[in-house]
Amino acid sequence: MFLGVVLVLLAISRRGDSQTTVPQYFQTTPELFAGPTATGRAPFLAEINPDFVGPDGSFVPNAPLQTAEPIAGNTQNENFAHYFGQLSPYFVGPGFGVKEYPLPAGADIVQVHMLHRHASRYASVNSSSEKLGRGLVQAVKDGAKFSGKLSFLNTFTYGLGVEVLVPIGQQEYSHILSLQRSKDETSNIGCREFDSGVLHYYDYGHLYDPSSKIIVRTTTQDRMLKSAEYWLAGFFGLEWPKNATLELQIELTQFNNSLGGNLACNNSNLAVALGGTNASVVWENQYLTDAVKRFNALSQGFTWNISDAYYAQSLCAYETVAFGYSSFCDLFTIAEWKGYEYTYDLLIAGNYMFQSPTGRAVGIGWVDEFLARLEHRFPDTTGTQANRTLDSNSITFPLDQSLYFDFSHISTMTSVLTALGLKRFAPLLPTSGPPANQQLVCSYVAPNAGRFDFEIISTPHPVSASRSNSTSVYLTGGPTKYIHLLINQRTLSLGESLPACGKRDDGWCELQTFLKTQRDDVASAQFDYACNGKYPAVPYGTLNDGVPQRT
């Protein structure tokens, strides 16, 4: 475990003509440790938009993305952007098999703990998508020629930035674009960071005490800081600094950070914990074979392979959110887009969740903090990557807020689900293709701008577990508190994974029962051994509990 320290720099923050001296962890401008921040070229969708029509022949305007292009095999009018896996713009999925119930009369939500992913962004610096894009440009310069559907590559230019939010990630519009993903599922493509803040204000604004100023946590990475700022502008308005103080955890290796938990977990970034990446490659070599044949038939002077086809799909995803439209998208069938989604399902299962030896360890720092907040105490950061300096101070780790808002990454968020022992997502995903009744779907769990909302609910009496058949919601007994988990606005049953919570129609769990189920979380994560121990690379499919096997 790294030293639990943070650079307590006295940084000069300039706003207008005034100067203030603040600790590093409260400084938002100028940015420190922001990471790569190159912005791509500006979109010009009004000029390049092909103006597609819908199945009924009517014009489909961009809103603001154009995802109406005809995709081969898309007989159900599905939105192929919902198959971008972890690159998917936010949408509400079909749920997790739990009916949504209103609060019974007399019940109150008394506290909310939110863990929110950053919104849509450019690809990482030196990504394989960038290498393919620049490689295609160079191939044309060297004499390559493309025909048919690939003709656009003869004049293609690469214009993506790196790592920072794209406009859709900052978006302010609240239009809901409902498109069928299956016969019985509709979902939206709205609500990114700003809209998510607005949504959360409508849902939970009553819990904010106007006389208080809450601590909201994110990291120093540019897209993380900007995600939090856009979100806060949605929740509080443009003068949000009067209502909240942003606390920034340094996002660099060697710094303890519960919101970027992989950076303080060495093995999570090494080959020993990349079984999901390996599994994804196996699947890519199955579902993209036909695409490679099609592309090579239309190419002279450039030979496509499986990896090229895969990163062409990634270019579609990145260009769509950056420019509003991408010519790479309709090169693939709807079955190939579903295959692309499944690569990310395999990746997060094997790299971040129950099939990973560091699956619990990467998320355990935040889980330890979450449990401490529930119990109104400082966390014991021993055995986690939580920052001891920040977590032992009531200024930087307050214990009296009714609203806790944290911003994080997909690796940490999915590992949080693992550290909590939510084994609905534990069944092994085969590398041969999606299984029937698949539980772990990346775009349902952690799309861009995805969020987990843990509601603490106080009731005057125990609530019946049989909400749908009970003539009386309340049972005999005194006041009771429950915890209710919403993943992207849909309830996840806690009792399904934690038997002590019992089988409940509403998916809730009594708060004290939930806390008892989590008492051994830190020990179960085996943080030091999982993150720093010496063990061989773990083949995908050999683990099912998110911790390494001891030899």
Protein backbone atom coordinates (compact mmCIF):
# COMPACT_ATOMS: atom_id res chain seq x y z
CA MET A 1 0.00 0.00 0.00
CA PHE A 2 1.27 3.46 -0.84
CA LEU A 3 1.79 6.09 1.79
CA GLY A 4 -1.52 7.73 2.61
CA VAL A 5 -0.36 11.23 1.83
CA VAL A 6 -1.44 14.03 -0.42
CA LEU A 7 0.56 17.01 -1.59
CA VAL A 8 -0.65 19.73 0.77
CA LEU A 9 0.62 22.49 -1.47
CA LEU A 10 -0.35 26.06 -0.84
CA ALA A 11 -1.44 26.79 -4.38
CA ILE A 12 -2.31 30.19 -5.76
CA SER A 13 -5.77 30.17 -7.34
CA ARG A 14 -6.61 33.18 -9.52
CA ARG A 15 -10.21 34.12 -10.25
CA GLY A 16 -10.54 37.49 -11.89
CA ASP A 17 -8.28 39.97 -10.10
CA SER A 18 -8.38 38.20 -6.75
CA GLN A 19 -5.89 35.70 -5.37
CA THR A 20 -6.59 33.04 -2.78
CA THR A 21 -4.26 30.55 -1.20
CA VAL A 22 -5.81 27.10 -0.91
CA PRO A 23 -4.55 23.58 -0.28
CA GLN A 24 -3.90 21.56 -3.43
CA TYR A 25 -6.89 19.32 -2.84
CA PHE A 26 -9.31 22.27 -3.08
CA GLN A 27 -7.68 23.92 -6.11
CA THR A 28 -9.62 23.68 -9.35
CA THR A 29 -7.81 26.40 -11.34
CA PRO A 30 -5.19 26.41 -12.65
CA GLU A 31 -5.38 22.64 -12.93
CA LEU A 32 -2.68 20.46 -11.40
CA PHE A 33 -2.03 16.84 -12.51
CA ALA A 34 -4.70 17.20 -15.23
CA GLY A 35 -3.20 14.63 -17.60
CA PRO A 36 -3.37 14.96 -21.42
CA THR A 37 -5.81 17.68 -22.50
CA ALA A 38 -5.57 18.00 -26.30
CA THR A 39 -8.91 18.88 -27.90
CA GLY A 40 -9.86 17.55 -31.32
CA ARG A 41 -11.19 19.45 -34.30
CA ALA A 42 -14.57 21.12 -34.01
CA PRO A 43 -17.58 19.20 -35.34
CA PHE A 44 -19.36 20.37 -38.52
CA LEU A 45 -22.36 18.05 -38.55
CA ALA A 46 -24.55 20.46 -40.53
CA GLU A 47 -22.18 19.91 -43.44
CA ILE A 48 -21.39 16.20 -43.14
CA ASN A 49 -24.71 14.83 -41.81
CA PRO A 50 -26.14 12.40 -44.40
CA ASP A 51 -29.69 13.27 -43.23
CA PHE A 52 -30.97 9.75 -42.68
CA VAL A 53 -34.65 8.84 -42.60
CA GLY A 54 -36.31 6.55 -40.07
CA PRO A 55 -38.06 3.23 -40.72
CA ASP A 56 -41.27 5.09 -41.54
CA GLY A 57 -39.53 7.27 -44.12
CA SER A 58 -39.56 10.41 -41.97
CA PHE A 59 -36.54 12.67 -41.51
CA VAL A 60 -34.52 11.95 -38.37
CA PRO A 61 -32.74 15.07 -37.06
CA ASN A 62 -29.56 14.73 -35.04
CA ALA A 63 -30.24 15.09 -31.31
CA PRO A 64 -27.38 16.12 -31.10
CA LEU A 65 -25.75 12.84 -32.26
CA GLN A 66 -26.71 11.20 -35.53
CA THR A 67 -27.27 7.51 -34.85
CA ALA A 68 -30.01 6.83 -37.41
CA GLU A 69 -27.72 5.44 -40.12
CA PRO A 70 -28.97 2.13 -41.55
CA ILE A 71 -27.11 -0.80 -39.99
CA ALA A 72 -27.23 -4.13 -41.80
CA GLY A 73 -29.48 -6.63 -40.03
CA ASN A 74 -31.06 -3.99 -37.78
CA THR A 75 -34.63 -5.17 -38.30
CA GLN A 76 -35.72 -4.09 -34.80
CA ASN A 77 -34.62 -0.44 -35.24
CA GLU A 78 -32.12 -0.75 -32.41
CA ASN A 79 -29.83 2.12 -31.47
CA PHE A 80 -26.41 0.71 -32.28
CA ALA A 81 -24.76 3.33 -30.03
CA HIS A 82 -26.14 1.35 -27.09
CA TYR A 83 -23.70 -1.38 -28.07
CA PHE A 84 -20.60 0.76 -27.57
CA GLY A 85 -19.91 -0.95 -24.22
CA GLN A 86 -18.03 1.34 -21.86
CA LEU A 87 -17.96 3.96 -24.63
CA SER A 88 -21.77 4.10 -24.82
CA PRO A 89 -23.33 7.51 -24.19
CA TYR A 90 -25.57 7.33 -21.14
CA PHE A 91 -28.92 5.59 -21.46
CA VAL A 92 -31.28 3.83 -19.09
CA GLY A 93 -31.14 0.09 -19.66
CA PRO A 94 -33.85 -2.54 -19.27
CA GLY A 95 -33.24 -2.98 -15.56
CA PHE A 96 -32.12 -5.86 -13.37
CA GLY A 97 -35.31 -7.84 -12.95
CA VAL A 98 -36.76 -5.71 -10.13
CA LYS A 99 -40.04 -3.83 -10.33
CA GLU A 100 -39.76 -0.19 -9.32
CA TYR A 101 -41.95 0.74 -6.34
CA PRO A 102 -42.78 4.19 -4.94
CA LEU A 103 -41.90 4.94 -1.33
CA PRO A 104 -44.72 3.94 0.99
CA ALA A 105 -46.58 6.72 2.79
CA GLY A 106 -44.62 7.93 5.80
CA ALA A 107 -41.24 6.80 4.45
CA ASP A 108 -38.45 9.29 3.77
CA ILE A 109 -35.18 9.22 1.87
CA VAL A 110 -32.80 10.68 4.43
CA GLN A 111 -29.42 10.30 2.73
CA VAL A 112 -27.96 9.62 -0.73
CA HIS A 113 -24.50 8.39 -1.67
CA MET A 114 -23.73 8.83 -5.37
CA LEU A 115 -20.78 7.37 -7.28
CA HIS A 116 -20.72 8.79 -10.82
CA ARG A 117 -18.61 8.00 -13.85
CA HIS A 118 -17.16 10.74 -16.04
CA ALA A 119 -19.00 11.45 -19.28
CA SER A 120 -18.12 10.75 -22.93
CA ARG A 121 -14.56 11.62 -23.87
CA TYR A 122 -11.83 11.31 -26.48
CA ALA A 123 -9.66 8.19 -26.66
CA SER A 124 -6.60 7.80 -24.43
CA VAL A 125 -3.29 9.21 -25.58
CA ASN A 126 -1.48 6.91 -28.06
CA SER A 127 -4.53 4.63 -28.21
CA SER A 128 -4.84 1.87 -30.78
CA SER A 129 -7.80 3.76 -32.26
CA GLU A 130 -5.55 6.75 -32.90
CA LYS A 131 -2.86 4.52 -34.39
CA LEU A 132 -5.37 2.99 -36.82
CA GLY A 133 -6.76 6.39 -37.79
CA ARG A 134 -3.33 7.86 -38.46
CA GLY A 135 -2.25 4.63 -40.14
CA LEU A 136 -5.14 4.83 -42.61
CA VAL A 137 -4.23 8.42 -43.48
CA GLN A 138 -0.61 7.40 -44.07
CA ALA A 139 -1.67 4.40 -46.14
CA VAL A 140 -3.54 6.68 -48.57
CA LYS A 141 -0.49 8.94 -48.82
CA ASP A 142 1.52 5.85 -49.67
CA GLY A 143 -0.87 4.89 -52.47
CA ALA A 144 -3.60 2.80 -50.86
CA LYS A 145 -7.06 3.03 -52.46
CA PHE A 146 -10.44 2.13 -51.03
CA SER A 147 -13.74 1.50 -52.82
CA GLY A 148 -17.41 0.96 -52.03
CA LYS A 149 -18.33 1.61 -48.42
CA LEU A 150 -14.67 2.31 -47.64
CA SER A 151 -14.38 5.09 -50.24
CA PHE A 152 -14.56 7.76 -47.53
CA LEU A 153 -11.10 6.63 -46.38
CA ASN A 154 -9.56 8.10 -49.56
CA THR A 155 -10.15 11.58 -48.09
CA PHE A 156 -10.27 10.66 -44.39
CA THR A 157 -8.47 12.84 -41.85
CA TYR A 158 -7.92 11.99 -38.20
CA GLY A 159 -9.15 14.74 -35.89
CA LEU A 160 -9.80 13.34 -32.41
CA GLY A 161 -8.33 14.84 -29.26
CA VAL A 162 -7.18 12.87 -26.22
CA GLU A 163 -8.87 12.00 -22.92
CA VAL A 164 -10.84 15.20 -22.20
CA LEU A 165 -14.63 15.43 -22.37
CA VAL A 166 -16.31 15.83 -25.74
CA PRO A 167 -19.29 18.22 -26.12
CA ILE A 168 -21.88 15.48 -25.56
CA GLY A 169 -20.17 14.79 -22.25
CA GLN A 170 -20.80 18.36 -21.18
CA GLN A 171 -24.20 18.60 -22.77
CA GLU A 172 -27.03 20.68 -21.48
CA TYR A 173 -29.91 19.47 -23.61
CA SER A 174 -32.63 17.40 -22.04
CA HIS A 175 -34.20 15.93 -25.17
CA ILE A 176 -35.05 12.26 -24.79
CA LEU A 177 -34.46 10.14 -27.86
CA SER A 178 -36.41 6.91 -27.45
CA LEU A 179 -35.35 4.10 -29.72
CA GLN A 180 -36.15 0.43 -29.41
CA ARG A 181 -33.24 -1.78 -28.42
CA SER A 182 -35.52 -4.79 -28.34
CA LYS A 183 -39.24 -5.36 -28.68
CA ASP A 184 -39.95 -4.54 -25.04
CA GLU A 185 -37.21 -2.03 -24.19
CA THR A 186 -37.02 1.69 -24.74
CA SER A 187 -34.24 3.88 -23.45
CA ASN A 188 -32.88 7.38 -23.72
CA ILE A 189 -29.71 8.93 -24.96
CA GLY A 190 -30.03 12.10 -22.85
CA CYS A 191 -28.73 13.01 -19.40
CA ARG A 192 -24.96 13.35 -19.39
CA GLU A 193 -23.18 15.36 -16.70
CA PHE A 194 -25.18 18.60 -16.72
CA ASP A 195 -28.43 16.75 -17.23
CA SER A 196 -27.50 14.22 -14.57
CA GLY A 197 -27.01 17.06 -12.12
CA VAL A 198 -30.43 18.46 -13.02
CA LEU A 199 -31.98 15.00 -12.70
CA HIS A 200 -30.40 14.46 -9.29
CA TYR A 201 -31.60 17.86 -8.12
CA TYR A 202 -35.18 16.94 -9.02
CA ASP A 203 -34.73 13.59 -7.29
CA TYR A 204 -32.86 14.68 -4.18
CA GLY A 205 -32.67 18.49 -4.02
CA HIS A 206 -34.85 18.55 -0.89
CA LEU A 207 -32.02 16.88 1.04
CA TYR A 208 -29.69 19.83 0.55
CA ASP A 209 -29.45 22.24 3.48
CA PRO A 210 -29.15 25.74 1.94
CA SER A 211 -27.24 26.94 4.99
CA SER A 212 -24.50 24.37 4.40
CA LYS A 213 -21.69 23.88 1.92
CA ILE A 214 -21.01 20.25 1.08
CA ILE A 215 -17.80 18.52 0.05
CA VAL A 216 -17.96 16.87 -3.38
CA ARG A 217 -15.08 14.63 -4.45
CA THR A 218 -13.40 13.99 -7.79
CA THR A 219 -9.82 13.64 -9.05
CA THR A 220 -7.32 15.99 -10.65
CA GLN A 221 -7.67 14.47 -14.14
CA ASP A 222 -9.19 17.06 -16.47
CA ARG A 223 -12.22 15.00 -17.55
CA MET A 224 -12.91 14.08 -13.94
CA LEU A 225 -12.78 17.68 -12.75
CA LYS A 226 -14.88 18.95 -15.66
CA SER A 227 -17.43 16.15 -15.17
CA ALA A 228 -17.92 17.19 -11.57
CA GLU A 229 -18.15 20.88 -12.46
CA TYR A 230 -20.73 20.37 -15.21
CA TRP A 231 -22.71 18.08 -12.91
CA LEU A 232 -22.67 20.62 -10.08
CA ALA A 233 -23.82 23.33 -12.48
CA GLY A 234 -26.79 21.11 -13.26
CA PHE A 235 -27.58 20.43 -9.62
CA PHE A 236 -27.00 23.86 -8.09
CA GLY A 237 -26.72 26.25 -11.07
CA LEU A 238 -23.75 28.24 -12.32
CA GLU A 239 -23.03 29.65 -8.86
CA TRP A 240 -22.48 26.15 -7.44
CA PRO A 241 -19.23 27.17 -5.63
CA LYS A 242 -21.51 28.85 -3.07
CA ASN A 243 -23.06 25.46 -2.31
CA ALA A 244 -20.23 22.95 -2.72
CA THR A 245 -16.47 22.66 -2.44
CA LEU A 246 -14.72 20.32 -4.84
CA GLU A 247 -12.07 18.10 -3.30
CA LEU A 248 -9.56 16.71 -5.81
CA GLN A 249 -7.66 13.49 -5.17
CA ILE A 250 -4.35 13.40 -7.05
CA GLU A 251 -4.67 10.96 -9.94
CA LEU A 252 -1.14 9.71 -10.33
CA THR A 253 0.62 6.49 -9.48
CA GLN A 254 2.14 6.44 -5.98
CA PHE A 255 -0.74 8.47 -4.55
CA ASN A 256 -3.51 6.83 -2.55
CA ASN A 257 -6.79 7.55 -4.29
CA SER A 258 -10.10 5.79 -3.69
CA LEU A 259 -11.72 7.30 -6.81
CA GLY A 260 -9.00 6.00 -9.14
CA GLY A 261 -8.30 2.87 -7.17
CA ASN A 262 -6.24 1.11 -9.83
CA LEU A 263 -3.42 3.68 -9.60
CA ALA A 264 -2.56 2.53 -6.07
CA CYS A 265 -2.89 -1.15 -6.98
CA ASN A 266 0.21 -2.19 -8.91
CA ASN A 267 -0.96 -5.56 -10.14
CA SER A 268 -4.20 -4.20 -11.57
CA ASN A 269 -2.16 -2.50 -14.29
CA LEU A 270 0.03 -5.53 -15.09
CA ALA A 271 -0.47 -8.65 -17.18
CA VAL A 272 -1.32 -10.70 -14.08
CA ALA A 273 -4.73 -8.97 -13.95
CA LEU A 274 -5.56 -8.55 -17.63
CA GLY A 275 -7.40 -11.79 -18.24
CA GLY A 276 -10.40 -9.82 -19.50
CA THR A 277 -8.30 -8.20 -22.23
CA ASN A 278 -7.12 -11.64 -23.33
CA ALA A 279 -10.67 -13.00 -23.31
CA SER A 280 -11.85 -10.06 -25.39
CA VAL A 281 -9.22 -10.77 -28.05
CA VAL A 282 -10.38 -14.39 -28.29
CA TRP A 283 -13.94 -13.21 -28.94
CA GLU A 284 -12.82 -10.53 -31.44
CA ASN A 285 -11.26 -13.25 -33.57
CA GLN A 286 -14.65 -14.92 -33.84
CA TYR A 287 -17.17 -12.15 -34.49
CA LEU A 288 -15.05 -9.93 -36.78
CA THR A 289 -13.89 -12.55 -39.30
CA ASP A 290 -16.52 -11.62 -41.90
CA ALA A 291 -15.89 -7.89 -41.47
CA VAL A 292 -12.19 -8.34 -42.24
CA LYS A 293 -13.06 -10.24 -45.44
CA ARG A 294 -15.45 -7.46 -46.54
CA PHE A 295 -12.92 -4.72 -45.87
CA ASN A 296 -10.04 -6.43 -47.65
CA ALA A 297 -12.25 -6.93 -50.72
CA LEU A 298 -12.63 -3.13 -50.89
CA SER A 299 -8.99 -2.24 -50.19
CA GLN A 300 -5.85 -2.00 -52.32
CA GLY A 301 -2.52 -1.33 -50.66
CA PHE A 302 -3.86 -1.84 -47.13
CA THR A 303 -4.50 -5.21 -45.52
CA TRP A 304 -7.01 -5.33 -42.70
CA ASN A 305 -6.69 -7.67 -39.74
CA ILE A 306 -8.96 -8.42 -36.78
CA SER A 307 -7.39 -5.73 -34.62
CA ASP A 308 -7.88 -3.10 -37.34
CA ALA A 309 -11.57 -3.99 -37.67
CA TYR A 310 -12.03 -3.80 -33.90
CA TYR A 311 -10.45 -0.37 -33.63
CA ALA A 312 -12.49 0.82 -36.60
CA GLN A 313 -15.50 0.11 -34.40
CA SER A 314 -13.84 2.12 -31.64
CA LEU A 315 -13.28 4.99 -34.10
CA CYS A 316 -17.02 4.91 -34.81
CA ALA A 317 -17.75 5.23 -31.10
CA TYR A 318 -15.24 8.01 -30.49
CA GLU A 319 -16.09 9.97 -33.65
CA THR A 320 -19.82 9.74 -32.99
CA VAL A 321 -19.55 11.46 -29.61
CA ALA A 322 -16.88 13.90 -30.84
CA PHE A 323 -18.30 14.93 -34.22
CA GLY A 324 -21.92 13.76 -34.03
CA TYR A 325 -21.54 11.22 -36.84
CA SER A 326 -18.97 8.72 -38.10
CA SER A 327 -18.67 6.97 -41.45
CA PHE A 328 -17.12 3.98 -39.70
CA CYS A 329 -20.40 3.01 -38.02
CA ASP A 330 -22.40 1.51 -40.86
CA LEU A 331 -19.44 -0.60 -41.98
CA PHE A 332 -20.62 -3.15 -39.41
CA THR A 333 -23.75 -5.25 -38.98
CA ILE A 334 -25.94 -5.09 -35.90
CA ALA A 335 -24.63 -8.53 -34.92
CA GLU A 336 -21.08 -7.15 -35.07
CA TRP A 337 -22.11 -4.23 -32.89
CA LYS A 338 -23.53 -6.65 -30.35
CA GLY A 339 -20.23 -8.49 -30.59
CA TYR A 340 -18.40 -5.25 -29.84
CA GLU A 341 -20.46 -4.73 -26.70
CA TYR A 342 -19.57 -8.24 -25.56
CA THR A 343 -15.83 -7.49 -25.82
CA TYR A 344 -16.32 -4.91 -23.08
CA ASP A 345 -18.43 -7.29 -21.01
CA LEU A 346 -15.53 -9.75 -21.09
CA LEU A 347 -13.02 -7.01 -20.41
CA ILE A 348 -14.64 -5.62 -17.27
CA ALA A 349 -15.43 -9.13 -15.96
CA GLY A 350 -11.82 -10.25 -16.29
CA ASN A 351 -9.95 -7.00 -15.59
CA TYR A 352 -12.11 -5.26 -12.98
CA MET A 353 -14.64 -7.65 -11.49
CA PHE A 354 -15.08 -11.19 -10.19
CA GLN A 355 -12.78 -12.88 -12.72
CA SER A 356 -9.93 -10.50 -11.83
CA PRO A 357 -7.44 -11.06 -8.99
CA THR A 358 -7.65 -7.34 -8.18
CA GLY A 359 -11.42 -7.08 -8.70
CA ARG A 360 -12.22 -6.42 -5.05
CA ALA A 361 -9.01 -4.55 -4.22
CA VAL A 362 -9.42 -1.72 -6.75
CA GLY A 363 -12.82 -0.77 -5.32
CA ILE A 364 -12.24 -1.47 -1.66
CA GLY A 365 -11.00 2.02 -0.79
CA TRP A 366 -14.29 3.64 -1.80
CA VAL A 367 -16.32 0.85 -0.18
CA ASP A 368 -14.49 1.38 3.11
CA GLU A 369 -15.25 5.11 2.92
CA PHE A 370 -18.88 4.46 2.05
CA LEU A 371 -19.37 2.16 5.03
CA ALA A 372 -17.66 4.68 7.31
CA ARG A 373 -20.02 7.42 6.14
CA LEU A 374 -23.00 5.18 6.84
CA GLU A 375 -21.72 4.64 10.38
CA HIS A 376 -20.69 8.30 10.91
CA ARG A 377 -17.03 7.50 11.55
CA PHE A 378 -13.68 7.98 9.87
CA PRO A 379 -12.59 4.98 7.79
CA ASP A 380 -9.74 2.74 8.82
CA THR A 381 -7.66 3.14 5.68
CA THR A 382 -5.31 0.31 6.64
CA GLY A 383 -5.60 -2.35 3.96
CA THR A 384 -7.02 -0.06 1.26
CA GLN A 385 -5.83 2.65 -1.15
CA ALA A 386 -7.95 5.35 0.53
CA ASN A 387 -6.01 8.51 1.37
CA ARG A 388 -5.31 8.55 5.09
CA THR A 389 -4.57 12.28 5.18
CA LEU A 390 -7.88 13.27 3.61
CA ASP A 391 -9.98 10.60 5.30
CA SER A 392 -8.97 11.47 8.86
CA ASN A 393 -10.04 15.11 8.69
CA SER A 394 -13.64 16.27 9.13
CA ILE A 395 -13.02 19.13 6.69
CA THR A 396 -12.04 16.82 3.83
CA PHE A 397 -14.08 13.82 4.99
CA PRO A 398 -17.25 15.22 6.61
CA LEU A 399 -19.56 12.82 8.41
CA ASP A 400 -22.72 14.93 8.63
CA GLN A 401 -23.84 15.37 5.01
CA SER A 402 -27.16 14.09 3.72
CA LEU A 403 -25.78 14.18 0.17
CA TYR A 404 -22.47 12.59 -0.80
CA PHE A 405 -21.38 13.01 -4.42
CA ASP A 406 -18.22 11.29 -5.74
CA PHE A 407 -16.88 11.02 -9.31
CA SER A 408 -14.84 8.09 -10.52
CA HIS A 409 -13.83 5.75 -13.38
CA ILE A 410 -15.33 2.54 -14.73
CA SER A 411 -12.49 0.42 -13.31
CA THR A 412 -13.15 1.64 -9.77
CA MET A 413 -16.95 1.64 -10.07
CA THR A 414 -17.24 -1.93 -11.34
CA SER A 415 -14.71 -3.00 -8.73
CA VAL A 416 -16.90 -1.37 -6.07
CA LEU A 417 -19.71 -3.72 -7.10
CA THR A 418 -17.25 -6.58 -6.73
CA ALA A 419 -15.96 -5.45 -3.33
CA LEU A 420 -19.57 -5.20 -2.11
CA GLY A 421 -20.03 -8.85 -3.08
CA LEU A 422 -22.83 -8.21 -5.59
CA LYS A 423 -22.50 -11.61 -7.20
CA ARG A 424 -25.32 -11.15 -9.66
CA PHE A 425 -22.44 -10.07 -11.89
CA ALA A 426 -20.14 -12.98 -11.02
CA PRO A 427 -21.20 -15.75 -13.47
CA LEU A 428 -18.44 -16.51 -15.96
CA LEU A 429 -18.94 -15.05 -19.44
CA PRO A 430 -17.72 -17.53 -22.07
CA THR A 431 -15.30 -16.37 -24.77
CA SER A 432 -17.45 -18.17 -27.35
CA GLY A 433 -20.16 -15.51 -27.24
CA PRO A 434 -22.92 -14.01 -25.08
CA PRO A 435 -24.73 -16.58 -22.93
CA ALA A 436 -28.47 -16.78 -22.43
CA ASN A 437 -29.74 -14.63 -19.55
CA GLN A 438 -26.49 -12.66 -19.41
CA GLN A 439 -26.32 -10.58 -16.22
CA LEU A 440 -23.23 -8.42 -16.75
CA VAL A 441 -23.68 -6.01 -19.66
CA CYS A 442 -21.16 -3.18 -19.57
CA SER A 443 -23.38 -0.52 -21.15
CA TYR A 444 -26.16 -1.30 -18.65
CA VAL A 445 -23.83 -1.06 -15.65
CA ALA A 446 -21.28 1.65 -16.46
CA PRO A 447 -21.84 3.62 -19.67
CA ASN A 448 -20.31 7.05 -19.91
CA ALA A 449 -21.93 9.21 -17.22
CA GLY A 450 -23.22 6.07 -15.49
CA ARG A 451 -24.05 6.38 -11.80
CA PHE A 452 -24.76 4.36 -8.68
CA ASP A 453 -27.19 5.96 -6.21
CA PHE A 454 -27.40 4.42 -2.75
CA GLU A 455 -30.54 5.72 -1.03
CA ILE A 456 -30.95 5.47 2.74
CA ILE A 457 -34.65 5.22 3.51
CA SER A 458 -36.28 5.70 6.93
CA THR A 459 -39.69 4.12 7.56
CA PRO A 460 -41.97 4.31 10.62
CA HIS A 461 -42.37 0.51 10.63
CA PRO A 462 -40.75 -2.46 8.86
CA VAL A 463 -41.81 -2.67 5.21
CA SER A 464 -43.24 -5.93 3.92
CA ALA A 465 -40.92 -7.86 1.60
CA SER A 466 -43.93 -8.77 -0.55
CA ARG A 467 -44.72 -5.34 -1.94
CA SER A 468 -46.78 -6.56 -4.89
CA ASN A 469 -49.15 -8.90 -3.00
CA SER A 470 -49.35 -7.29 0.43
CA THR A 471 -52.57 -5.60 1.48
CA SER A 472 -50.58 -3.59 3.98
CA VAL A 473 -47.14 -2.22 3.17
CA TYR A 474 -46.11 -1.98 6.81
CA LEU A 475 -45.53 -4.76 9.32
CA THR A 476 -45.60 -4.59 13.11
CA GLY A 477 -42.51 -2.98 14.56
CA GLY A 478 -40.70 0.27 15.15
CA PRO A 479 -38.78 2.65 12.86
CA THR A 480 -36.51 0.90 10.39
CA LYS A 481 -33.86 2.05 7.92
CA TYR A 482 -33.22 0.48 4.53
CA ILE A 483 -30.66 0.84 1.77
CA HIS A 484 -31.79 0.92 -1.87
CA LEU A 485 -29.28 0.73 -4.75
CA LEU A 486 -30.07 2.26 -8.13
CA ILE A 487 -27.69 1.62 -11.03
CA ASN A 488 -28.43 4.08 -13.82
CA GLN A 489 -31.92 4.74 -12.44
CA ARG A 490 -32.85 1.04 -12.15
CA THR A 491 -33.03 -0.94 -8.90
CA LEU A 492 -30.51 -3.69 -8.26
CA SER A 493 -31.75 -6.27 -5.77
CA LEU A 494 -29.35 -6.49 -2.83
CA GLY A 495 -30.96 -9.68 -1.53
CA GLU A 496 -30.19 -11.48 -4.78
CA SER A 497 -26.46 -11.21 -4.00
CA LEU A 498 -26.55 -10.87 -0.20
CA PRO A 499 -28.82 -13.64 1.16
CA ALA A 500 -29.02 -12.03 4.60
CA CYS A 501 -31.02 -9.20 3.04
CA GLY A 502 -33.76 -11.66 2.13
CA LYS A 503 -35.91 -11.87 -0.97
CA ARG A 504 -37.71 -8.59 -1.38
CA ASP A 505 -39.87 -7.37 -4.24
CA ASP A 506 -38.36 -3.89 -3.94
CA GLY A 507 -34.71 -5.01 -3.79
CA TRP A 508 -34.07 -3.12 -0.53
CA CYS A 509 -32.06 -4.35 2.42
CA GLU A 510 -32.36 -3.37 6.07
CA LEU A 511 -29.45 -1.03 6.69
CA GLN A 512 -28.09 -2.81 9.74
CA THR A 513 -28.30 -6.14 7.94
CA PHE A 514 -26.45 -4.67 4.98
CA LEU A 515 -23.70 -3.34 7.25
CA LYS A 516 -23.29 -6.76 8.81
CA THR A 517 -22.85 -8.33 5.38
CA GLN A 518 -20.03 -5.87 4.65
CA ARG A 519 -18.02 -6.17 7.88
CA ASP A 520 -15.37 -8.38 6.31
CA ASP A 521 -15.08 -6.50 3.02
CA VAL A 522 -11.61 -5.07 3.66
CA ALA A 523 -10.18 -8.40 4.73
CA SER A 524 -11.92 -10.19 1.86
CA ALA A 525 -10.31 -7.89 -0.71
CA GLN A 526 -6.79 -9.06 0.31
CA PHE A 527 -5.57 -5.64 -0.82
CA ASP A 528 -1.86 -5.96 -0.12
CA TYR A 529 -1.47 -9.39 -1.69
CA ALA A 530 -3.84 -8.69 -4.58
CA CYS A 531 -2.13 -5.40 -5.46
CA ASN A 532 1.48 -6.04 -4.49
CA GLY A 533 1.87 -9.81 -4.17
CA LYS A 534 3.92 -12.00 -6.48
CA TYR A 535 1.69 -14.44 -8.31
CA PRO A 536 1.49 -15.70 -11.90
CA ALA A 537 -0.79 -14.23 -14.54
CA VAL A 538 -4.34 -15.37 -13.97
CA PRO A 539 -5.94 -17.05 -17.01
CA TYR A 540 -9.43 -15.79 -17.70
CA GLY A 541 -12.10 -18.00 -16.17
CA THR A 542 -10.06 -19.40 -13.28
CA LEU A 543 -11.35 -16.94 -10.64
CA ASN A 544 -14.88 -16.09 -9.52
CA ASP A 545 -14.50 -13.97 -6.36
CA GLY A 546 -12.32 -11.04 -7.38
CA VAL A 547 -9.24 -12.09 -5.38
CA PRO A 548 -6.11 -14.05 -6.33
CA GLN A 549 -5.67 -17.70 -5.50
CA ARG A 550 -2.94 -18.21 -2.93
CA THR A 551 -0.34 -20.75 -3.95
